[in-house]
């Protein structure tokens, strides 16, 4: 075996070992950002020891291999926290603030009201699914939205005549896509492709996503109806599974704010759409600015309603707390995942895999397929769409350039599929939360969600092949 072949196999082995180690640690419920950072730093350390090339060149280099490993982490922290990280933290602060004043709950309650008038149970379920997808645009946290829907939409669907299992599965898959300009995945994708976030949402994400949505809606309708009929006939389900759950006193507290508060979560998306390249270019509207304008409007109107200046101003503390919480849960995860990705990239294994696959017939499509399967598998095993997507998305622009494909249309399906795979995982936070509130086993939920998500993932993949 030649030296070149030895280096090739070694670099590929490093990539495989790193991915396997990270997946194993997260599957064993290690702290996900810490696991990715730990594996990423070790990988970079190994690369620094065996590679003749420095990890960093230029002004940011420390000129000492051991310090360069840490400097990569430092550089990413500085870059991401100031730009993308600030956007994500502002979105989280706004989301927490909307929840604090009751605006998110009001939006969900107002949206659910028309469903109570419909008597066809599985039509109500399907409309509830559509409602979840729409609300996810304005409430980007899958777990946060699920908790609101468990209080409001879940009883309506069960009261309409479907089982608790079908109702809970509807809420689980309803947050799978993370459509819209507000999610951390979407902000990262827009940043990597250098697109305006609304442009990315409407002209890239939705161009792919509408096919998956149609496939999901049709599949969900027939699959859940089939499960209910079969399980009821076999005695797996009983009449109790079709009874309306009772709200606890704690759950009922979410129903305090007036319904007109439902307007507040809509304001940022409206501002970003109106003052975007798609509508009016004369005014430049940044994500953080739109969120702050919306926050101050809500703060003023909430203060007028409360007639208590001290109490109203005190609610802004929630905005800051939300920013801090999402730094630990999402922004730090992004940075740690990018350290992990840097280790894979610097090892040379990713480049070797791309070169090998791109030399095949239809090589670009083969590369996309490999990345797609890696992200789907990682999201399912990790129980986190963010961890999987953040780990591999930063590699896509360079990969797309090498194989001659469209980076935006390569990144978006990875983001969509990562959320779908997460909604199929029994260890995902949102799965466990819904299972706990509904009194169901997580495996009862994913038994209902996996067939729908598999169809959606296939539809996303096939649609992407037409566009990349």
Protein backbone atom coordinates (compact mmCIF):
# COMPACT_ATOMS: atom_id res chain seq x y z
CA UNK A 1 0.00 0.00 0.00
CA UNK A 2 1.37 3.41 -0.97
CA UNK A 3 1.71 6.33 1.44
CA UNK A 4 -1.04 8.22 -0.42
CA UNK A 5 -3.44 5.29 -0.06
CA UNK A 6 -2.54 4.99 3.61
CA UNK A 7 -3.33 8.66 4.20
CA UNK A 8 -6.60 8.27 2.30
CA UNK A 9 -7.77 5.36 4.43
CA UNK A 10 -6.58 7.06 7.63
CA UNK A 11 -8.48 10.29 6.91
CA UNK A 12 -11.68 8.37 6.09
CA UNK A 13 -11.27 6.28 9.26
CA UNK A 14 -10.93 9.48 11.30
CA UNK A 15 -14.22 10.80 9.85
CA UNK A 16 -16.09 7.54 10.50
CA UNK A 17 -14.67 7.20 14.02
CA UNK A 18 -15.53 10.82 14.88
CA UNK A 19 -19.12 10.56 13.65
CA UNK A 20 -19.58 7.24 15.44
CA UNK A 21 -18.13 8.61 18.69
CA UNK A 22 -20.30 11.74 18.64
CA UNK A 23 -23.45 9.75 17.83
CA UNK A 24 -22.68 7.25 20.60
CA UNK A 25 -22.15 9.93 23.25
CA UNK A 26 -25.33 11.81 22.34
CA UNK A 27 -27.34 8.57 22.17
CA UNK A 28 -26.09 7.83 25.69
CA UNK A 29 -27.55 11.23 26.69
CA UNK A 30 -24.27 13.08 27.13
CA UNK A 31 -24.70 16.85 26.91
CA UNK A 32 -24.91 17.26 23.10
CA UNK A 33 -22.82 20.45 22.69
CA UNK A 34 -20.18 19.08 25.04
CA UNK A 35 -20.06 15.75 23.20
CA UNK A 36 -19.62 17.43 19.82
CA UNK A 37 -17.00 19.83 21.19
CA UNK A 38 -15.12 17.01 22.93
CA UNK A 39 -14.99 14.83 19.82
CA UNK A 40 -14.23 17.82 17.59
CA UNK A 41 -11.27 18.97 19.68
CA UNK A 42 -9.85 15.44 19.87
CA UNK A 43 -10.21 15.07 16.10
CA UNK A 44 -8.46 18.41 15.54
CA UNK A 45 -5.72 17.32 17.95
CA UNK A 46 -5.19 14.08 16.04
CA UNK A 47 -5.09 15.98 12.75
CA UNK A 48 -2.58 18.47 14.18
CA UNK A 49 -0.32 15.56 15.16
CA UNK A 50 -0.39 13.70 11.84
CA UNK A 51 -0.76 16.49 9.29
CA UNK A 52 2.20 18.54 8.06
CA UNK A 53 -0.11 21.49 7.37
CA UNK A 54 -1.11 23.95 10.14
CA UNK A 55 -4.75 23.99 11.25
CA UNK A 56 -4.95 27.79 10.90
CA UNK A 57 -3.11 30.19 8.63
CA UNK A 58 -3.09 33.97 8.44
CA UNK A 59 -3.68 36.54 11.19
CA UNK A 60 -5.73 34.22 13.39
CA UNK A 61 -2.99 31.56 13.64
CA UNK A 62 -1.23 31.10 17.00
CA UNK A 63 1.81 29.38 15.36
CA UNK A 64 1.56 26.55 17.91
CA UNK A 65 -0.38 23.45 16.87
CA UNK A 66 -1.86 22.75 20.32
CA UNK A 67 -3.12 26.33 20.65
CA UNK A 68 -4.51 26.30 17.11
CA UNK A 69 -6.90 23.54 18.18
CA UNK A 70 -8.40 25.87 20.81
CA UNK A 71 -8.09 28.93 18.54
CA UNK A 72 -10.51 27.34 16.07
CA UNK A 73 -13.07 27.21 18.89
CA UNK A 74 -12.26 30.83 19.81
CA UNK A 75 -12.67 32.06 16.24
CA UNK A 76 -16.03 30.35 15.85
CA UNK A 77 -17.29 31.73 19.16
CA UNK A 78 -16.35 35.27 18.14
CA UNK A 79 -17.90 34.99 14.69
CA UNK A 80 -21.12 33.15 15.50
CA UNK A 81 -22.01 34.95 18.74
CA UNK A 82 -21.79 38.38 17.13
CA UNK A 83 -23.76 37.56 13.98
CA UNK A 84 -25.96 34.50 13.66
CA UNK A 85 -25.91 33.91 17.41
CA UNK A 86 -27.34 37.35 18.15
CA UNK A 87 -30.20 36.74 15.72
CA UNK A 88 -31.04 33.42 17.33
CA UNK A 89 -30.82 34.83 20.85
CA UNK A 90 -33.11 37.74 19.91
CA UNK A 91 -35.65 35.31 18.45
CA UNK A 92 -35.54 33.25 21.64
CA UNK A 93 -35.92 36.35 23.80
CA UNK A 94 -38.93 37.41 21.74
CA UNK A 95 -40.44 33.91 21.96
CA UNK A 96 -40.03 33.79 25.74
CA UNK A 97 -41.48 37.30 26.05
CA UNK A 98 -44.51 36.36 23.90
CA UNK A 99 -45.05 33.33 26.12
CA UNK A 100 -44.69 35.42 29.29
CA UNK A 101 -47.39 37.94 28.32
CA UNK A 102 -49.65 35.17 26.96
CA UNK A 103 -49.45 36.16 23.28
CA UNK A 104 -48.28 32.74 22.06
CA UNK A 105 -51.10 31.02 23.91
CA UNK A 106 -53.60 33.52 22.52
CA UNK A 107 -52.39 32.84 18.96
CA UNK A 108 -52.81 29.09 19.42
CA UNK A 109 -56.24 29.39 21.09
CA UNK A 110 -57.53 31.72 18.39
CA UNK A 111 -56.27 29.40 15.67
CA UNK A 112 -57.87 26.33 17.24
CA UNK A 113 -61.35 27.86 17.64
CA UNK A 114 -62.64 27.10 14.09
CA UNK A 115 -61.69 23.43 14.44
CA UNK A 116 -64.30 22.97 17.16
CA UNK A 117 -67.04 23.55 14.56
CA UNK A 118 -65.99 20.64 12.31
CA UNK A 119 -67.51 17.21 12.99
CA UNK A 120 -65.33 14.97 10.76
CA UNK A 121 -62.64 13.64 13.16
CA UNK A 122 -59.79 12.93 10.72
CA UNK A 123 -60.43 16.16 8.81
CA UNK A 124 -60.03 17.99 12.14
CA UNK A 125 -56.80 16.04 12.69
CA UNK A 126 -55.46 16.97 9.25
CA UNK A 127 -56.42 20.63 9.71
CA UNK A 128 -54.72 20.49 13.11
CA UNK A 129 -51.58 19.25 11.36
CA UNK A 130 -51.75 22.16 8.90
CA UNK A 131 -52.30 24.56 11.79
CA UNK A 132 -49.22 23.20 13.58
CA UNK A 133 -47.08 23.78 10.48
CA UNK A 134 -48.36 27.36 10.15
CA UNK A 135 -47.91 28.18 13.83
CA UNK A 136 -44.37 26.83 13.67
CA UNK A 137 -43.52 29.78 11.40
CA UNK A 138 -44.34 32.17 14.26
CA UNK A 139 -43.37 29.92 17.20
CA UNK A 140 -40.08 28.35 16.03
CA UNK A 141 -39.46 26.11 19.03
CA UNK A 142 -40.82 22.62 18.28
CA UNK A 143 -40.98 21.73 21.98
CA UNK A 144 -42.47 25.10 22.97
CA UNK A 145 -45.15 24.88 20.28
CA UNK A 146 -45.92 21.28 21.23
CA UNK A 147 -46.56 22.27 24.86
CA UNK A 148 -49.01 24.99 23.76
CA UNK A 149 -50.78 22.63 21.36
CA UNK A 150 -51.07 19.91 24.00
CA UNK A 151 -53.11 22.33 26.09
CA UNK A 152 -55.30 23.63 23.27
CA UNK A 153 -55.35 21.54 20.07
CA UNK A 154 -54.88 18.09 21.64
CA UNK A 155 -58.22 18.08 23.55
CA UNK A 156 -60.05 19.43 20.47
CA UNK A 157 -58.76 16.60 18.27
CA UNK A 158 -59.60 13.88 20.81
CA UNK A 159 -63.02 15.45 21.41
CA UNK A 160 -63.51 15.32 17.62
CA UNK A 161 -63.28 11.52 17.66
CA UNK A 162 -59.68 10.41 17.10
CA UNK A 163 -57.50 8.51 19.57
CA UNK A 164 -55.08 10.12 21.99
CA UNK A 165 -52.30 8.39 20.08
CA UNK A 166 -53.31 9.98 16.76
CA UNK A 167 -53.75 13.39 18.38
CA UNK A 168 -50.35 13.27 20.10
CA UNK A 169 -48.66 12.02 16.90
CA UNK A 170 -50.20 14.95 15.00
CA UNK A 171 -48.56 17.42 17.37
CA UNK A 172 -45.26 15.53 17.22
CA UNK A 173 -45.03 15.65 13.42
CA UNK A 174 -46.55 19.15 13.23
CA UNK A 175 -43.26 20.77 14.24
CA UNK A 176 -41.04 18.65 12.01
CA UNK A 177 -40.24 21.13 9.21
CA UNK A 178 -39.45 24.38 11.04
CA UNK A 179 -40.65 26.51 8.14
CA UNK A 180 -40.18 30.26 8.23
CA UNK A 181 -37.53 32.88 8.94
CA UNK A 182 -37.36 32.41 12.71
CA UNK A 183 -35.72 29.04 13.31
CA UNK A 184 -32.05 28.67 14.11
CA UNK A 185 -31.62 26.13 11.30
CA UNK A 186 -33.09 28.54 8.76
CA UNK A 187 -30.93 31.43 9.95
CA UNK A 188 -27.82 29.29 9.66
CA UNK A 189 -28.84 28.07 6.19
CA UNK A 190 -29.51 31.62 4.99
CA UNK A 191 -26.20 32.78 6.48
CA UNK A 192 -24.23 29.97 4.80
CA UNK A 193 -25.82 30.67 1.41
CA UNK A 194 -25.58 34.48 1.86
CA UNK A 195 -29.30 34.92 1.22
CA UNK A 196 -31.90 37.09 2.94
CA UNK A 197 -33.76 34.85 5.38
CA UNK A 198 -37.18 35.56 3.77
CA UNK A 199 -35.74 34.91 0.32
CA UNK A 200 -34.38 31.59 1.54
CA UNK A 201 -37.68 30.65 3.18
CA UNK A 202 -39.94 31.46 0.21
CA UNK A 203 -37.72 30.67 -2.77
CA UNK A 204 -35.70 27.73 -1.45
CA UNK A 205 -37.21 26.09 1.62
CA UNK A 206 -40.84 26.35 0.52
CA UNK A 207 -39.96 25.38 -3.08
CA UNK A 208 -38.83 22.03 -1.69
CA UNK A 209 -41.12 21.83 1.32
CA UNK A 210 -44.54 22.10 -0.32
CA UNK A 211 -44.10 18.64 -1.86
CA UNK A 212 -43.21 17.14 1.53
CA UNK A 213 -46.18 18.91 3.14
CA UNK A 214 -48.66 17.44 0.68
CA UNK A 215 -47.13 13.99 1.06
CA UNK A 216 -47.27 14.28 4.87
CA UNK A 217 -50.88 15.45 4.98
CA UNK A 218 -52.15 12.63 2.78
CA UNK A 219 -50.02 10.00 4.52
CA UNK A 220 -50.92 11.22 8.01
CA UNK A 221 -54.66 11.13 7.29
CA UNK A 222 -54.70 7.53 6.07
CA UNK A 223 -51.99 6.15 8.39
CA UNK A 224 -53.53 7.44 11.63
CA UNK A 225 -57.02 6.37 10.58
CA UNK A 226 -55.68 2.90 9.76
CA UNK A 227 -53.84 2.64 13.09
CA UNK A 228 -56.96 3.69 15.05
CA UNK A 229 -59.23 1.17 13.30
CA UNK A 230 -56.72 -1.69 13.50
CA UNK A 231 -55.66 -1.09 17.10
CA UNK A 232 -59.27 -0.68 18.24
CA UNK A 233 -60.26 -3.94 16.54
CA UNK A 234 -57.30 -5.77 18.13
CA UNK A 235 -57.98 -4.39 21.58
CA UNK A 236 -54.74 -2.40 21.68
CA UNK A 237 -56.89 0.72 21.99
CA UNK A 238 -59.94 0.98 24.24
CA UNK A 239 -62.77 3.50 24.52
CA UNK A 240 -60.69 5.37 27.10
CA UNK A 241 -58.17 6.19 24.38
CA UNK A 242 -60.88 8.20 22.61
CA UNK A 243 -61.97 10.18 25.68
CA UNK A 244 -61.24 13.89 26.05
CA UNK A 245 -58.30 14.51 28.43
CA UNK A 246 -58.90 16.86 31.34
CA UNK A 247 -56.78 19.98 31.69
CA UNK A 248 -54.92 20.38 34.97
CA UNK A 249 -55.07 23.65 36.88
CA UNK A 250 -51.49 24.33 35.87
CA UNK A 251 -52.31 23.83 32.18
CA UNK A 252 -55.35 26.10 32.42
CA UNK A 253 -53.17 29.04 33.52
CA UNK A 254 -52.00 29.41 29.92
CA UNK A 255 -55.43 30.81 28.94
CA UNK A 256 -55.24 34.29 30.47
CA UNK A 257 -54.27 36.83 27.78
CA UNK A 258 -56.97 38.38 25.54
CA UNK A 259 -57.20 36.94 22.04
CA UNK A 260 -56.05 40.17 20.34
CA UNK A 261 -52.60 39.44 21.78
CA UNK A 262 -52.39 36.83 19.00
CA UNK A 263 -51.31 39.68 16.69
CA UNK A 264 -47.99 40.21 18.49
CA UNK A 265 -46.15 37.03 17.33
CA UNK A 266 -47.12 37.84 13.73
CA UNK A 267 -45.48 41.27 13.60
CA UNK A 268 -41.81 40.23 13.04
CA UNK A 269 -42.63 37.93 10.11
CA UNK A 270 -44.81 40.64 8.53
CA UNK A 271 -42.05 43.25 8.89
CA UNK A 272 -39.37 40.93 7.50
CA UNK A 273 -41.58 40.05 4.53
CA UNK A 274 -42.65 43.62 3.68
CA UNK A 275 -39.15 45.10 4.04
CA UNK A 276 -37.34 42.36 2.14
CA UNK A 277 -35.94 42.16 -1.40
CA UNK A 278 -39.14 40.35 -2.30
CA UNK A 279 -41.39 43.35 -1.54
CA UNK A 280 -39.81 46.74 -0.74
CA UNK A 281 -36.06 47.35 -0.83
CA UNK A 282 -36.21 50.98 0.26
CA UNK A 283 -36.02 50.10 3.96
CA UNK A 284 -33.53 47.58 5.30
CA UNK A 285 -35.01 45.42 8.06
CA UNK A 286 -32.76 43.13 10.07
CA UNK A 287 -34.11 40.19 12.02
CA UNK A 288 -33.13 41.65 15.41
CA UNK A 289 -34.65 45.04 14.55
CA UNK A 290 -37.96 43.46 13.54
CA UNK A 291 -38.04 41.49 16.79
CA UNK A 292 -37.25 44.52 18.93
CA UNK A 293 -39.88 46.67 17.19
CA UNK A 294 -42.44 43.93 17.82
CA UNK A 295 -41.33 43.56 21.43
CA UNK A 296 -41.67 47.28 22.17
CA UNK A 297 -45.10 47.44 20.51
CA UNK A 298 -46.26 44.49 22.60
CA UNK A 299 -44.69 45.95 25.75
CA UNK A 300 -46.48 49.28 25.33
CA UNK A 301 -49.89 47.75 24.58
CA UNK A 302 -49.49 45.20 27.36
CA UNK A 303 -48.61 48.02 29.75
CA UNK A 304 -51.70 49.97 28.77
CA UNK A 305 -53.89 46.92 29.39
CA UNK A 306 -52.31 46.10 32.73
CA UNK A 307 -52.31 49.74 33.92
CA UNK A 308 -49.27 48.77 35.97
CA UNK A 309 -46.01 50.25 34.62
CA UNK A 310 -43.75 48.38 37.02
CA UNK A 311 -45.27 44.99 36.26
CA UNK A 312 -45.27 45.61 32.52
CA UNK A 313 -41.64 46.75 32.36
CA UNK A 314 -40.71 43.77 34.53
CA UNK A 315 -41.83 41.38 31.79
CA UNK A 316 -38.91 42.52 29.58
CA UNK A 317 -36.68 40.53 31.94
CA UNK A 318 -38.06 37.43 30.23
CA UNK A 319 -36.58 38.65 26.93
CA UNK A 320 -33.09 38.71 28.44
CA UNK A 321 -33.60 35.35 30.16
CA UNK A 322 -34.69 33.80 26.88
CA UNK A 323 -31.55 35.11 25.17
CA UNK A 324 -29.39 33.55 27.85
CA UNK A 325 -31.17 30.20 27.75
CA UNK A 326 -30.92 29.84 23.99
CA UNK A 327 -27.21 30.68 24.06
CA UNK A 328 -26.63 27.53 26.09
CA UNK A 329 -29.10 25.40 24.12
CA UNK A 330 -28.63 26.55 20.52
CA UNK A 331 -25.87 29.11 19.91
CA UNK A 332 -23.33 27.16 21.91
CA UNK A 333 -24.52 24.00 20.15
CA UNK A 334 -23.92 25.63 16.76
CA UNK A 335 -20.36 26.59 17.71
CA UNK A 336 -19.59 23.16 19.17
CA UNK A 337 -21.07 21.46 16.11
CA UNK A 338 -18.91 23.64 13.86
CA UNK A 339 -15.81 22.65 15.86
CA UNK A 340 -16.85 19.03 15.25
CA UNK A 341 -17.37 19.81 11.54
CA UNK A 342 -13.98 21.54 11.41
CA UNK A 343 -12.35 18.37 12.73
CA UNK A 344 -14.01 16.30 10.00
CA UNK A 345 -13.04 18.82 7.33
CA UNK A 346 -9.44 19.30 8.47
CA UNK A 347 -8.90 15.53 8.58
CA UNK A 348 -9.27 15.45 4.80
CA UNK A 349 -11.63 12.49 5.01
CA UNK A 350 -14.67 14.45 3.84
CA UNK A 351 -12.74 15.76 0.82
CA UNK A 352 -11.57 12.23 -0.02
CA UNK A 353 -15.11 10.87 0.19
CA UNK A 354 -16.36 13.70 -2.04
CA UNK A 355 -13.58 13.17 -4.55
CA UNK A 356 -14.26 9.43 -4.65
CA UNK A 357 -18.02 9.80 -5.02
CA UNK A 358 -17.90 12.75 -7.43
CA UNK A 359 -15.79 10.64 -9.80
CA UNK A 360 -18.73 8.28 -10.20
CA UNK A 361 -21.41 8.75 -12.81
CA UNK A 362 -23.87 11.38 -11.49
CA UNK A 363 -21.24 12.10 -8.83
CA UNK A 364 -22.83 15.31 -7.55
CA UNK A 365 -26.09 13.53 -6.84
CA UNK A 366 -24.20 10.72 -5.11
CA UNK A 367 -22.48 13.25 -2.81
CA UNK A 368 -25.84 14.84 -1.99
CA UNK A 369 -27.33 11.41 -1.27
CA UNK A 370 -24.49 10.51 1.09
CA UNK A 371 -24.82 13.80 3.02
CA UNK A 372 -28.60 13.47 3.11
CA UNK A 373 -28.44 9.97 4.60
CA UNK A 374 -25.76 10.98 7.13
CA UNK A 375 -27.87 13.89 8.42
CA UNK A 376 -31.06 11.80 8.59
CA UNK A 377 -29.30 8.99 10.42
CA UNK A 378 -27.53 11.38 12.81
CA UNK A 379 -30.73 13.24 13.68
CA UNK A 380 -32.58 10.00 14.43
CA UNK A 381 -29.78 8.55 16.58
CA UNK A 382 -29.03 11.84 18.36
CA UNK A 383 -32.68 12.80 18.83
CA UNK A 384 -31.73 16.30 17.75
CA UNK A 385 -32.29 17.88 14.35
CA UNK A 386 -30.16 20.85 15.36
CA UNK A 387 -27.13 18.80 16.39
CA UNK A 388 -27.17 16.84 13.12
CA UNK A 389 -27.81 19.83 10.86
CA UNK A 390 -25.38 22.18 12.59
CA UNK A 391 -22.66 19.54 12.38
CA UNK A 392 -22.79 19.07 8.62
CA UNK A 393 -24.41 22.17 7.09
CA UNK A 394 -21.22 24.32 7.21
CA UNK A 395 -19.55 21.84 4.83
CA UNK A 396 -22.22 22.13 2.13
CA UNK A 397 -21.21 25.38 0.35
CA UNK A 398 -17.69 24.05 -0.37
CA UNK A 399 -19.03 20.62 -1.32
CA UNK A 400 -21.60 22.16 -3.67
CA UNK A 401 -18.91 24.26 -5.35
CA UNK A 402 -16.71 21.18 -5.91
CA UNK A 403 -19.44 19.05 -7.46
CA UNK A 404 -21.22 21.87 -9.32
CA UNK A 405 -24.54 21.82 -7.46
CA UNK A 406 -26.72 24.56 -5.94
CA UNK A 407 -25.69 25.04 -2.30
CA UNK A 408 -29.04 26.45 -1.16
CA UNK A 409 -31.00 23.54 -2.59
CA UNK A 410 -28.53 21.12 -0.99
CA UNK A 411 -28.73 22.73 2.45
CA UNK A 412 -32.50 23.15 2.69
CA UNK A 413 -33.43 19.46 2.29
CA UNK A 414 -30.86 18.57 4.95
CA UNK A 415 -32.56 21.02 7.31
CA UNK A 416 -36.03 19.71 6.52
CA UNK A 417 -35.00 16.05 6.75
CA UNK A 418 -33.16 16.58 10.05
CA UNK A 419 -36.41 17.82 11.64
CA UNK A 420 -38.36 14.91 10.16
CA UNK A 421 -35.85 12.39 11.49
CA UNK A 422 -35.96 14.06 14.91
CA UNK A 423 -39.76 13.64 14.95
CA UNK A 424 -39.16 9.91 14.42
CA UNK A 425 -36.73 9.55 17.34
CA UNK A 426 -37.88 8.14 20.70
CA UNK A 427 -35.17 10.11 22.56
CA UNK A 428 -35.97 13.53 21.06
CA UNK A 429 -36.95 16.13 23.67
CA UNK A 430 -40.22 16.96 21.93
CA UNK A 431 -41.17 13.26 21.73
CA UNK A 432 -40.54 12.77 25.44
CA UNK A 433 -42.42 15.98 26.34
CA UNK A 434 -45.53 15.03 24.33
CA UNK A 435 -45.43 11.46 25.64
CA UNK A 436 -45.28 12.74 29.21
CA UNK A 437 -48.20 15.14 28.82
CA UNK A 438 -50.37 12.61 26.99
CA UNK A 439 -49.50 9.71 29.30
CA UNK A 440 -48.26 7.63 26.37
CA UNK A 441 -45.07 5.66 25.79
CA UNK A 442 -42.61 7.45 23.43
CA UNK A 443 -42.52 4.30 21.30
CA UNK A 444 -46.32 4.49 20.88
CA UNK A 445 -45.78 7.94 19.39
CA UNK A 446 -42.97 7.15 16.98
CA UNK A 447 -44.83 4.04 15.82
CA UNK A 448 -47.35 6.56 14.46
CA UNK A 449 -44.87 9.21 13.32
CA UNK A 450 -42.18 7.10 11.58
CA UNK A 451 -44.29 6.01 8.56
CA UNK A 452 -45.37 9.61 7.93
CA UNK A 453 -41.86 10.98 8.32
CA UNK A 454 -40.33 8.31 6.06
CA UNK A 455 -42.74 9.30 3.29
CA UNK A 456 -41.94 12.99 3.90
CA UNK A 457 -38.18 12.34 3.84
CA UNK A 458 -38.46 10.44 0.55
CA UNK A 459 -40.60 13.22 -0.96
CA UNK A 460 -38.05 15.83 0.20
CA UNK A 461 -35.18 13.86 -1.31
CA UNK A 462 -36.87 13.31 -4.66
CA UNK A 463 -37.97 16.93 -4.91
CA UNK A 464 -34.42 18.08 -4.10
CA UNK A 465 -32.96 15.98 -6.90
CA UNK A 466 -35.06 18.03 -9.34
CA UNK A 467 -33.61 21.32 -8.09
CA UNK A 468 -29.95 20.85 -7.15
